[in-house]
Protein backbone atom coordinates (compact mmCIF):
# COMPACT_ATOMS: atom_id res chain seq x y z
CA MET A 1 15.90 4.01 8.86
CA THR A 2 12.56 2.21 8.87
CA ASP A 3 11.51 -0.11 6.05
CA ILE A 4 7.80 -0.21 5.24
CA VAL A 5 6.14 -2.52 2.72
CA ASN A 6 3.01 -1.60 0.75
CA GLY A 7 0.89 -3.86 -1.44
CA LEU A 8 -0.76 -2.48 -4.56
CA LEU A 9 -3.40 -5.11 -5.27
CA LEU A 10 -4.22 -5.04 -8.97
CA ARG A 11 -7.13 -6.60 -10.86
CA ASN A 12 -8.95 -5.78 -14.06
CA GLY A 13 -7.29 -2.38 -14.47
CA ALA A 14 -8.06 -1.32 -10.89
CA VAL A 15 -5.99 -0.87 -7.73
CA LEU A 16 -7.09 -1.30 -4.12
CA LEU A 17 -6.61 1.81 -1.99
CA ALA A 18 -6.99 2.07 1.77
CA ARG A 19 -8.09 5.27 3.50
CA ARG A 20 -5.93 5.71 6.57
CA SER A 21 -7.98 6.18 9.73
CA ALA A 22 -8.40 9.69 11.17
CA GLY A 23 -6.40 8.81 14.27
CA ARG A 24 -3.24 7.76 12.41
CA GLN A 25 -0.21 9.92 13.12
CA ALA A 26 1.13 9.87 9.55
CA TYR A 27 -1.16 10.76 6.65
CA PRO A 28 -4.55 10.55 8.44
CA ASN A 29 -7.63 10.40 6.19
CA ARG A 30 -5.43 9.97 3.11
CA TRP A 31 -5.62 7.24 0.48
CA SER A 32 -2.68 4.89 0.64
CA PHE A 33 -1.93 1.19 0.20
CA PRO A 34 -2.18 -1.53 2.83
CA GLY A 35 1.09 -2.52 4.47
CA GLY A 36 3.33 -1.70 7.36
CA HIS A 37 6.67 -1.89 9.13
CA VAL A 38 9.20 -4.62 8.46
CA GLU A 39 10.08 -6.31 11.75
CA ALA A 40 13.67 -7.05 12.82
CA GLY A 41 15.03 -10.08 10.99
CA GLU A 42 12.06 -10.22 8.61
CA SER A 43 12.48 -10.21 4.82
CA LEU A 44 10.53 -7.71 2.74
CA ASP A 45 8.51 -10.55 1.18
CA ASP A 46 7.63 -12.03 4.57
CA ALA A 47 6.66 -8.60 5.90
CA LEU A 48 4.38 -7.99 2.91
CA ILE A 49 2.65 -11.33 3.38
CA ARG A 50 2.19 -10.75 7.13
CA GLU A 51 0.98 -7.17 6.78
CA LEU A 52 -1.60 -7.94 4.08
CA ARG A 53 -2.94 -10.86 6.14
CA GLU A 54 -3.20 -8.64 9.23
CA GLU A 55 -4.70 -5.57 7.54
CA ILE A 56 -6.92 -6.88 4.74
CA GLY A 57 -7.22 -10.64 5.27
CA VAL A 58 -5.50 -11.83 2.08
CA THR A 59 -2.27 -13.69 1.36
CA PRO A 60 -0.32 -12.40 -1.65
CA LEU A 61 0.69 -15.19 -4.05
CA SER A 62 2.20 -13.32 -7.00
CA PHE A 63 4.00 -10.04 -6.34
CA GLU A 64 7.08 -8.02 -7.23
CA GLN A 65 8.71 -4.91 -5.86
CA ILE A 66 8.19 -2.11 -8.37
CA ALA A 67 9.43 0.99 -6.53
CA ALA A 68 10.86 2.48 -3.37
CA ILE A 69 9.85 5.87 -1.99
CA GLU A 70 11.80 7.83 0.62
CA GLU A 71 9.65 9.51 3.27
CA PRO A 72 9.14 13.08 2.01
CA ASP A 73 8.50 14.62 5.46
CA VAL A 74 11.28 13.20 7.64
CA GLN A 75 10.79 15.83 10.32
CA ALA A 76 7.16 14.83 10.90
CA ASN A 77 7.32 11.09 10.17
CA GLY A 78 10.93 10.00 10.64
CA GLU A 79 13.24 8.42 8.10
CA ALA A 80 11.56 5.61 6.19
CA THR A 81 11.70 3.81 2.88
CA TYR A 82 8.39 2.57 1.48
CA ARG A 83 8.85 -0.60 -0.58
CA MET A 84 6.03 -0.75 -3.11
CA PHE A 85 4.91 -4.18 -4.38
CA ALA A 86 2.54 -4.91 -7.25
CA VAL A 87 0.36 -7.82 -6.11
CA THR A 88 -1.40 -9.56 -8.99
CA SER A 89 -2.83 -12.63 -7.25
CA TRP A 90 -3.78 -13.52 -3.70
CA SER A 91 -5.77 -16.02 -1.69
CA GLY A 92 -8.34 -15.33 0.99
CA GLY A 93 -11.11 -13.88 -1.14
CA GLU A 94 -12.13 -10.25 -1.34
CA PRO A 95 -9.89 -7.92 0.71
CA HIS A 96 -11.63 -6.37 3.72
CA ALA A 97 -10.41 -3.95 6.38
CA LEU A 98 -9.35 -5.62 9.62
CA GLY A 99 -8.53 -3.64 12.75
CA GLN A 100 -8.52 0.13 13.05
CA GLU A 101 -5.74 1.18 10.66
CA HIS A 102 -8.04 1.89 7.71
CA SER A 103 -11.50 3.39 7.68
CA GLU A 104 -12.27 2.23 4.12
CA LEU A 105 -11.01 0.04 1.30
CA ARG A 106 -12.04 0.81 -2.26
CA TRP A 107 -11.13 -0.32 -5.78
CA PHE A 108 -10.24 2.54 -8.15
CA GLY A 109 -9.43 2.44 -11.84
CA LEU A 110 -5.75 3.26 -12.22
CA LYS A 111 -6.50 6.56 -13.98
CA ALA A 112 -9.07 7.56 -11.33
CA ALA A 113 -6.64 6.65 -8.53
CA GLY A 114 -4.04 8.96 -10.06
CA GLU A 115 -6.54 11.82 -10.07
CA LEU A 116 -7.38 11.64 -6.35
CA ARG A 117 -6.52 14.85 -4.54
CA ASP A 118 -6.07 13.14 -1.17
CA LEU A 119 -3.39 10.54 -1.90
CA ALA A 120 -0.92 10.20 0.95
CA MET A 121 2.09 10.95 -1.27
CA PRO A 122 2.58 12.58 -4.68
CA ASP A 123 5.21 9.91 -5.42
CA TYR A 124 2.33 7.44 -5.85
CA LEU A 125 1.50 8.96 -9.25
CA PRO A 126 4.40 7.49 -11.27
CA ILE A 127 3.89 4.17 -9.51
CA LEU A 128 0.23 4.09 -10.54
CA ARG A 129 1.29 4.82 -14.13
CA ARG A 130 3.81 1.95 -13.92
CA CYS A 131 1.03 -0.37 -12.69
CA ALA A 132 -1.08 0.55 -15.71
CA ALA A 133 1.78 -0.68 -17.91
CA LEU A 134 1.87 -4.02 -16.04
CA ARG A 135 -1.64 -4.96 -17.20
């Protein structure tokens, strides 16, 4: 089983989404959240901090795990648990895409994010509703 961490950066009623690059094996061209695989011996918190630094150039300061999603398509993507973290403060300025994992970053209002037809997973919808309640 693979553990994956995802950061839902929240500010002013909006959430940061990352469009996965076209060449990605899992969920290409879909809107998701920045994050990645937890390395051997690494805590979930440390993995979240590392992944957000590597992918979007920010360091999360205030965050909490709000959900876990099991990979819905095990046959295509392997067994994985996605650990979803609400991130409410960070350092490093405005997030920006680093590397080739994401083709675009964009802030969406929480309602608008929940209406996107090209989210990576339908299980994001209740999580986005939960984030709206955190405001």
